Amino acid sequence: MFTQKEEGFAGATVIAEGVIVEGNFKGDGPMIIDGTVKGTIATSKSVEIGKSATIEANIKADSVVIGGFVKGNIVAKSRLELLSGSHVEGDIATGTLIVAEGAILNGKCTTGTRTPQDALDTKSEAAKLKEVPQQQKINGKARV
């Protein structure tokens, strides 16, 4: 999908088409994935998912570009781009979202100034508002 030299990916971790990785996939540099990953993907840099890639993993990175299939939640701190023909099944949170014509997204989407990781907090905002403090008995009387 991308050539390391042209796109500034010198030293990138590459998972080629036909390669299958299962488990927690974590690194400090950019990642290019054209194969299959099942588990989690995390880097402080960018993740590029090619058209031939099949991902069943949660992804956390600074920026993410998707050309293939992803089933899992995505947190892209600065930017998430869904290319034409990409398919995402899961919730996304990012600073900036770019969706090309022909991309498919099935899930909740949060963008903007809110911290992307907070956007995918497992408790919904409505549930947080409904939380009732525990009652304590002080001198035989119920106190909140």
N, C-alpha and C. Protein backbone atom coordinates (compact mmCIF):
# COMPACT_ATOMS: atom_id res chain seq x y z
N MET A 1 0.83 -1.19 0.00
CA MET A 1 0.00 0.00 0.00
C MET A 1 0.86 1.25 0.00
N PHE A 2 1.82 1.34 0.90
CA PHE A 2 2.68 2.50 1.00
C PHE A 2 4.12 2.03 0.86
N THR A 3 4.96 2.88 0.31
CA THR A 3 6.37 2.55 0.27
C THR A 3 7.04 3.34 1.38
N GLN A 4 7.89 2.67 2.13
CA GLN A 4 8.48 3.29 3.31
C GLN A 4 9.22 4.58 2.97
N LYS A 5 9.99 4.60 1.91
CA LYS A 5 10.79 5.76 1.58
C LYS A 5 9.92 6.95 1.17
N GLU A 6 8.92 6.68 0.32
CA GLU A 6 8.07 7.76 -0.20
C GLU A 6 7.19 8.38 0.88
N GLU A 7 6.68 7.59 1.80
CA GLU A 7 5.74 8.09 2.78
C GLU A 7 6.38 8.43 4.13
N GLY A 8 7.70 8.39 4.22
CA GLY A 8 8.36 8.73 5.47
C GLY A 8 8.27 7.64 6.52
N PHE A 9 8.28 6.39 6.09
CA PHE A 9 8.15 5.27 7.01
C PHE A 9 9.44 4.49 7.18
N ALA A 10 10.58 5.16 7.06
CA ALA A 10 11.86 4.49 7.27
C ALA A 10 11.87 3.88 8.67
N GLY A 11 12.22 2.61 8.77
CA GLY A 11 12.26 1.94 10.06
C GLY A 11 10.92 1.46 10.55
N ALA A 12 9.90 1.48 9.71
CA ALA A 12 8.56 1.04 10.11
C ALA A 12 8.50 -0.47 10.29
N THR A 13 7.64 -0.92 11.17
CA THR A 13 7.34 -2.33 11.31
C THR A 13 6.32 -2.68 10.24
N VAL A 14 6.61 -3.74 9.47
CA VAL A 14 5.74 -4.11 8.36
C VAL A 14 5.22 -5.53 8.57
N ILE A 15 3.91 -5.70 8.46
CA ILE A 15 3.30 -7.02 8.45
C ILE A 15 2.74 -7.20 7.05
N ALA A 16 3.42 -8.03 6.28
CA ALA A 16 3.10 -8.19 4.87
C ALA A 16 1.83 -9.02 4.66
N GLU A 17 1.28 -8.91 3.48
CA GLU A 17 0.13 -9.71 3.09
C GLU A 17 0.48 -11.19 3.26
N GLY A 18 -0.43 -11.96 3.84
CA GLY A 18 -0.19 -13.38 4.07
C GLY A 18 0.36 -13.70 5.45
N VAL A 19 0.82 -12.68 6.18
CA VAL A 19 1.36 -12.87 7.53
C VAL A 19 0.23 -12.69 8.54
N ILE A 20 0.19 -13.59 9.55
CA ILE A 20 -0.82 -13.51 10.60
C ILE A 20 -0.13 -13.29 11.94
N VAL A 21 -0.58 -12.25 12.67
CA VAL A 21 -0.04 -11.94 14.00
C VAL A 21 -1.20 -12.02 14.98
N GLU A 22 -1.01 -12.78 16.07
CA GLU A 22 -2.03 -12.87 17.11
C GLU A 22 -1.44 -12.45 18.44
N GLY A 23 -2.17 -11.60 19.18
CA GLY A 23 -1.70 -11.14 20.49
C GLY A 23 -1.61 -9.63 20.54
N ASN A 24 -0.85 -9.15 21.50
CA ASN A 24 -0.67 -7.71 21.69
C ASN A 24 0.51 -7.24 20.85
N PHE A 25 0.23 -6.40 19.87
CA PHE A 25 1.23 -5.90 18.93
C PHE A 25 1.51 -4.45 19.30
N LYS A 26 2.67 -4.19 19.91
CA LYS A 26 2.98 -2.87 20.43
C LYS A 26 4.35 -2.42 19.95
N GLY A 27 4.47 -1.15 19.60
CA GLY A 27 5.74 -0.61 19.15
C GLY A 27 5.81 0.88 19.36
N ASP A 28 7.01 1.43 19.16
CA ASP A 28 7.21 2.88 19.32
C ASP A 28 7.24 3.60 17.98
N GLY A 29 7.38 2.86 16.89
CA GLY A 29 7.49 3.48 15.57
C GLY A 29 6.25 3.27 14.74
N PRO A 30 6.30 3.77 13.50
CA PRO A 30 5.17 3.59 12.59
C PRO A 30 4.99 2.12 12.21
N MET A 31 3.76 1.76 11.84
CA MET A 31 3.43 0.39 11.45
C MET A 31 2.69 0.39 10.13
N ILE A 32 3.04 -0.56 9.29
CA ILE A 32 2.35 -0.77 8.02
C ILE A 32 1.84 -2.20 8.05
N ILE A 33 0.53 -2.37 7.91
CA ILE A 33 -0.07 -3.70 8.01
C ILE A 33 -0.85 -4.01 6.74
N ASP A 34 -0.42 -5.07 6.06
CA ASP A 34 -1.13 -5.58 4.89
C ASP A 34 -1.61 -7.00 5.13
N GLY A 35 -1.26 -7.59 6.28
CA GLY A 35 -1.64 -8.96 6.63
C GLY A 35 -2.81 -8.98 7.59
N THR A 36 -2.80 -9.96 8.50
CA THR A 36 -3.87 -10.15 9.46
C THR A 36 -3.34 -9.97 10.88
N VAL A 37 -4.07 -9.21 11.70
CA VAL A 37 -3.70 -9.02 13.10
C VAL A 37 -4.95 -9.28 13.95
N LYS A 38 -4.80 -10.12 14.99
CA LYS A 38 -5.87 -10.39 15.94
C LYS A 38 -5.34 -10.11 17.33
N GLY A 39 -5.99 -9.20 18.06
CA GLY A 39 -5.54 -8.85 19.41
C GLY A 39 -5.61 -7.37 19.66
N THR A 40 -4.46 -6.72 19.84
CA THR A 40 -4.40 -5.27 20.00
C THR A 40 -3.22 -4.71 19.22
N ILE A 41 -3.36 -3.46 18.79
CA ILE A 41 -2.30 -2.75 18.08
C ILE A 41 -2.12 -1.42 18.79
N ALA A 42 -0.87 -1.09 19.18
CA ALA A 42 -0.61 0.18 19.87
C ALA A 42 0.75 0.73 19.47
N THR A 43 0.78 2.03 19.16
CA THR A 43 2.03 2.73 18.88
C THR A 43 1.82 4.21 19.15
N SER A 44 2.90 4.91 19.45
CA SER A 44 2.82 6.36 19.63
C SER A 44 2.91 7.08 18.29
N LYS A 45 3.15 6.36 17.23
CA LYS A 45 3.27 6.93 15.88
C LYS A 45 2.04 6.59 15.05
N SER A 46 2.23 6.30 13.77
CA SER A 46 1.12 6.05 12.87
C SER A 46 0.95 4.58 12.53
N VAL A 47 -0.28 4.23 12.15
CA VAL A 47 -0.61 2.90 11.67
C VAL A 47 -1.26 3.04 10.31
N GLU A 48 -0.72 2.33 9.32
CA GLU A 48 -1.29 2.32 7.97
C GLU A 48 -1.80 0.90 7.71
N ILE A 49 -3.10 0.76 7.46
CA ILE A 49 -3.70 -0.54 7.22
C ILE A 49 -4.08 -0.62 5.75
N GLY A 50 -3.41 -1.54 5.03
CA GLY A 50 -3.59 -1.66 3.59
C GLY A 50 -4.90 -2.32 3.19
N LYS A 51 -5.20 -2.24 1.91
CA LYS A 51 -6.45 -2.79 1.37
C LYS A 51 -6.57 -4.29 1.56
N SER A 52 -5.45 -5.00 1.62
CA SER A 52 -5.48 -6.46 1.78
C SER A 52 -5.52 -6.89 3.25
N ALA A 53 -5.46 -5.95 4.18
CA ALA A 53 -5.39 -6.26 5.61
C ALA A 53 -6.74 -6.64 6.19
N THR A 54 -6.69 -7.56 7.17
CA THR A 54 -7.86 -7.93 7.97
C THR A 54 -7.43 -7.81 9.43
N ILE A 55 -8.08 -6.90 10.14
CA ILE A 55 -7.71 -6.61 11.52
C ILE A 55 -8.89 -6.92 12.43
N GLU A 56 -8.65 -7.74 13.45
CA GLU A 56 -9.62 -7.98 14.52
C GLU A 56 -8.91 -7.58 15.80
N ALA A 57 -8.85 -6.27 16.01
CA ALA A 57 -8.07 -5.75 17.14
C ALA A 57 -8.50 -4.32 17.45
N ASN A 58 -8.31 -3.94 18.70
CA ASN A 58 -8.43 -2.53 19.07
C ASN A 58 -7.13 -1.86 18.68
N ILE A 59 -7.23 -0.63 18.18
CA ILE A 59 -6.06 0.10 17.70
C ILE A 59 -5.94 1.40 18.48
N LYS A 60 -4.71 1.69 18.92
CA LYS A 60 -4.43 2.97 19.57
C LYS A 60 -3.13 3.51 18.96
N ALA A 61 -3.21 4.71 18.37
CA ALA A 61 -2.05 5.31 17.71
C ALA A 61 -2.26 6.82 17.61
N ASP A 62 -1.20 7.51 17.17
CA ASP A 62 -1.34 8.95 16.94
C ASP A 62 -2.22 9.20 15.72
N SER A 63 -1.92 8.51 14.63
CA SER A 63 -2.74 8.64 13.42
C SER A 63 -2.93 7.27 12.79
N VAL A 64 -4.08 7.09 12.14
CA VAL A 64 -4.41 5.81 11.52
C VAL A 64 -5.01 6.07 10.15
N VAL A 65 -4.53 5.31 9.15
CA VAL A 65 -5.11 5.33 7.81
C VAL A 65 -5.56 3.91 7.53
N ILE A 66 -6.82 3.74 7.13
CA ILE A 66 -7.37 2.41 6.90
C ILE A 66 -7.82 2.25 5.46
N GLY A 67 -7.32 1.18 4.84
CA GLY A 67 -7.74 0.83 3.49
C GLY A 67 -8.46 -0.50 3.45
N GLY A 68 -8.30 -1.33 4.48
CA GLY A 68 -8.88 -2.68 4.51
C GLY A 68 -10.00 -2.80 5.53
N PHE A 69 -10.10 -3.99 6.16
CA PHE A 69 -11.17 -4.31 7.10
C PHE A 69 -10.64 -4.27 8.53
N VAL A 70 -11.37 -3.57 9.41
CA VAL A 70 -11.02 -3.51 10.83
C VAL A 70 -12.27 -3.79 11.65
N LYS A 71 -12.15 -4.79 12.55
CA LYS A 71 -13.21 -5.05 13.53
C LYS A 71 -12.59 -4.80 14.90
N GLY A 72 -12.97 -3.68 15.52
CA GLY A 72 -12.42 -3.29 16.81
C GLY A 72 -12.52 -1.79 16.98
N ASN A 73 -12.30 -1.33 18.19
CA ASN A 73 -12.35 0.10 18.49
C ASN A 73 -11.02 0.76 18.12
N ILE A 74 -11.10 2.01 17.69
CA ILE A 74 -9.92 2.75 17.25
C ILE A 74 -9.83 4.07 18.00
N VAL A 75 -8.66 4.32 18.58
CA VAL A 75 -8.36 5.63 19.17
C VAL A 75 -7.17 6.18 18.39
N ALA A 76 -7.41 7.23 17.62
CA ALA A 76 -6.36 7.90 16.85
C ALA A 76 -6.26 9.32 17.39
N LYS A 77 -5.20 9.58 18.14
CA LYS A 77 -5.08 10.85 18.85
C LYS A 77 -5.25 12.06 17.94
N SER A 78 -4.54 12.10 16.83
CA SER A 78 -4.61 13.29 15.98
C SER A 78 -5.52 13.13 14.77
N ARG A 79 -5.48 11.93 14.10
CA ARG A 79 -6.15 11.84 12.80
C ARG A 79 -6.50 10.40 12.47
N LEU A 80 -7.70 10.20 11.89
CA LEU A 80 -8.12 8.91 11.37
C LEU A 80 -8.66 9.13 9.96
N GLU A 81 -8.14 8.35 9.02
CA GLU A 81 -8.60 8.46 7.64
C GLU A 81 -9.10 7.11 7.16
N LEU A 82 -10.34 7.09 6.65
CA LEU A 82 -10.92 5.89 6.07
C LEU A 82 -10.91 6.05 4.55
N LEU A 83 -10.12 5.21 3.89
CA LEU A 83 -9.99 5.28 2.44
C LEU A 83 -11.18 4.62 1.76
N SER A 84 -11.40 4.93 0.50
CA SER A 84 -12.46 4.30 -0.28
C SER A 84 -12.27 2.79 -0.26
N GLY A 85 -13.34 2.06 0.05
CA GLY A 85 -13.27 0.60 0.10
C GLY A 85 -12.94 0.06 1.48
N SER A 86 -12.60 0.93 2.43
CA SER A 86 -12.31 0.46 3.79
C SER A 86 -13.62 0.12 4.50
N HIS A 87 -13.50 -0.74 5.53
CA HIS A 87 -14.68 -1.17 6.28
C HIS A 87 -14.28 -1.27 7.75
N VAL A 88 -14.95 -0.49 8.60
CA VAL A 88 -14.67 -0.49 10.03
C VAL A 88 -15.93 -0.87 10.79
N GLU A 89 -15.79 -1.88 11.67
CA GLU A 89 -16.86 -2.32 12.56
C GLU A 89 -16.37 -2.06 13.98
N GLY A 90 -16.76 -0.94 14.57
CA GLY A 90 -16.33 -0.60 15.92
C GLY A 90 -16.41 0.88 16.17
N ASP A 91 -16.22 1.27 17.40
CA ASP A 91 -16.28 2.68 17.79
C ASP A 91 -14.94 3.34 17.51
N ILE A 92 -15.02 4.63 17.13
CA ILE A 92 -13.80 5.38 16.86
C ILE A 92 -13.80 6.69 17.63
N ALA A 93 -12.60 7.12 17.99
CA ALA A 93 -12.41 8.42 18.65
C ALA A 93 -11.14 9.01 18.08
N THR A 94 -11.23 10.26 17.62
CA THR A 94 -10.08 10.90 16.99
C THR A 94 -10.22 12.41 17.02
N GLY A 95 -9.10 13.08 16.85
CA GLY A 95 -9.13 14.53 16.74
C GLY A 95 -9.76 14.97 15.43
N THR A 96 -9.32 14.37 14.32
CA THR A 96 -9.81 14.70 12.99
C THR A 96 -10.18 13.43 12.26
N LEU A 97 -11.36 13.41 11.64
CA LEU A 97 -11.83 12.25 10.89
C LEU A 97 -11.99 12.61 9.42
N ILE A 98 -11.42 11.78 8.56
CA ILE A 98 -11.56 11.96 7.11
C ILE A 98 -12.14 10.67 6.56
N VAL A 99 -13.28 10.76 5.88
CA VAL A 99 -13.94 9.58 5.34
C VAL A 99 -14.12 9.77 3.83
N ALA A 100 -13.51 8.86 3.06
CA ALA A 100 -13.62 8.92 1.60
C ALA A 100 -14.94 8.28 1.17
N GLU A 101 -15.42 8.70 0.01
CA GLU A 101 -16.60 8.10 -0.56
C GLU A 101 -16.35 6.60 -0.76
N GLY A 102 -17.31 5.78 -0.35
CA GLY A 102 -17.15 4.33 -0.49
C GLY A 102 -16.63 3.65 0.76
N ALA A 103 -16.25 4.41 1.78
CA ALA A 103 -15.81 3.82 3.05
C ALA A 103 -17.05 3.44 3.86
N ILE A 104 -16.92 2.38 4.68
CA ILE A 104 -18.02 1.93 5.53
C ILE A 104 -17.58 2.04 6.98
N LEU A 105 -18.44 2.66 7.81
CA LEU A 105 -18.18 2.78 9.24
C LEU A 105 -19.45 2.40 9.98
N ASN A 106 -19.37 1.32 10.77
CA ASN A 106 -20.49 0.89 11.61
C ASN A 106 -20.03 0.96 13.06
N GLY A 107 -20.43 2.02 13.76
CA GLY A 107 -20.04 2.19 15.15
C GLY A 107 -20.21 3.64 15.57
N LYS A 108 -19.92 3.89 16.82
CA LYS A 108 -20.03 5.24 17.38
C LYS A 108 -18.78 6.03 16.99
N CYS A 109 -18.97 7.29 16.68
CA CYS A 109 -17.86 8.14 16.25
C CYS A 109 -17.79 9.39 17.13
N THR A 110 -16.60 9.65 17.69
CA THR A 110 -16.39 10.86 18.49
C THR A 110 -15.18 11.58 17.92
N THR A 111 -15.34 12.86 17.59
CA THR A 111 -14.24 13.65 17.05
C THR A 111 -14.16 14.98 17.77
N GLY A 112 -13.04 15.66 17.56
CA GLY A 112 -12.91 17.01 18.07
C GLY A 112 -11.94 17.15 19.21
N THR A 113 -12.24 18.10 20.07
CA THR A 113 -11.29 18.49 21.10
C THR A 113 -11.25 17.57 22.31
N ARG A 114 -12.28 16.77 22.50
CA ARG A 114 -12.31 15.86 23.64
C ARG A 114 -11.18 14.83 23.49
N THR A 115 -10.57 14.44 24.59
CA THR A 115 -9.50 13.45 24.54
C THR A 115 -10.04 12.16 23.94
N PRO A 116 -9.46 11.67 22.83
CA PRO A 116 -10.00 10.48 22.18
C PRO A 116 -10.14 9.27 23.10
N GLN A 117 -9.19 9.03 24.00
CA GLN A 117 -9.29 7.87 24.89
C GLN A 117 -10.51 7.99 25.80
N ASP A 118 -10.81 9.21 26.28
CA ASP A 118 -11.98 9.42 27.13
C ASP A 118 -13.27 9.14 26.38
N ALA A 119 -13.27 9.37 25.09
CA ALA A 119 -14.47 9.18 24.28
C ALA A 119 -14.90 7.73 24.23
N LEU A 120 -13.97 6.81 24.38
CA LEU A 120 -14.30 5.39 24.34
C LEU A 120 -14.38 4.78 25.73
N ASP A 121 -14.54 5.64 26.74
CA ASP A 121 -14.71 5.16 28.11
C ASP A 121 -15.90 4.19 28.12
N THR A 122 -15.77 3.11 28.83
CA THR A 122 -16.80 2.06 28.80
C THR A 122 -18.12 2.50 29.39
N LYS A 123 -18.14 3.49 30.26
CA LYS A 123 -19.38 3.99 30.83
C LYS A 123 -19.89 5.14 29.98
N SER A 124 -21.14 5.07 29.58
CA SER A 124 -21.71 6.15 28.80
C SER A 124 -21.90 7.38 29.69
N GLU A 125 -22.00 8.53 29.06
CA GLU A 125 -22.22 9.77 29.81
C GLU A 125 -23.54 9.70 30.58
N ALA A 126 -24.58 9.12 29.97
CA ALA A 126 -25.87 9.01 30.63
C ALA A 126 -25.75 8.15 31.89
N ALA A 127 -24.99 7.06 31.81
CA ALA A 127 -24.82 6.19 32.97
C ALA A 127 -24.07 6.92 34.08
N LYS A 128 -23.09 7.73 33.72
CA LYS A 128 -22.35 8.48 34.73
C LYS A 128 -23.25 9.47 35.46
N LEU A 129 -24.17 10.11 34.71
CA LEU A 129 -25.07 11.08 35.32
C LEU A 129 -26.08 10.42 36.25
N LYS A 130 -26.42 9.16 35.98
CA LYS A 130 -27.41 8.45 36.78
C LYS A 130 -26.81 7.82 38.03
N GLU A 131 -25.51 7.82 38.17
CA GLU A 131 -24.89 7.22 39.34
C GLU A 131 -25.36 7.93 40.61
N VAL A 132 -25.74 7.16 41.59
CA VAL A 132 -26.22 7.71 42.85
C VAL A 132 -25.18 7.41 43.91
N PRO A 133 -24.79 8.41 44.68
CA PRO A 133 -23.80 8.15 45.73
C PRO A 133 -24.32 7.15 46.75
N GLN A 134 -23.42 6.39 47.33
CA GLN A 134 -23.77 5.41 48.37
C GLN A 134 -24.27 6.16 49.61
N GLN A 135 -25.29 5.62 50.21
CA GLN A 135 -25.80 6.21 51.45
C GLN A 135 -24.97 5.71 52.62
N GLN A 136 -24.71 6.61 53.55
CA GLN A 136 -23.97 6.26 54.75
C GLN A 136 -24.86 6.57 55.95
N LYS A 137 -24.79 5.73 56.95
CA LYS A 137 -25.54 6.00 58.16
C LYS A 137 -24.64 6.70 59.15
N ILE A 138 -25.05 7.89 59.52
CA ILE A 138 -24.32 8.68 60.51
C ILE A 138 -25.29 8.99 61.63
N ASN A 139 -24.96 8.55 62.82
CA ASN A 139 -25.84 8.73 64.00
C ASN A 139 -27.24 8.18 63.72
N GLY A 140 -27.31 7.03 63.03
CA GLY A 140 -28.58 6.37 62.79
C GLY A 140 -29.38 6.97 61.66
N LYS A 141 -28.89 8.03 60.98
CA LYS A 141 -29.62 8.66 59.88
C LYS A 141 -28.89 8.42 58.56
N ALA A 142 -29.67 8.21 57.52
CA ALA A 142 -29.07 8.00 56.20
C ALA A 142 -28.55 9.33 55.66
N ARG A 143 -27.32 9.34 55.23
CA ARG A 143 -26.70 10.55 54.64
C ARG A 143 -26.17 10.19 53.26
N VAL A 144 -26.21 11.15 52.37
CA VAL A 144 -25.67 10.96 51.02
C VAL A 144 -24.33 11.63 50.93
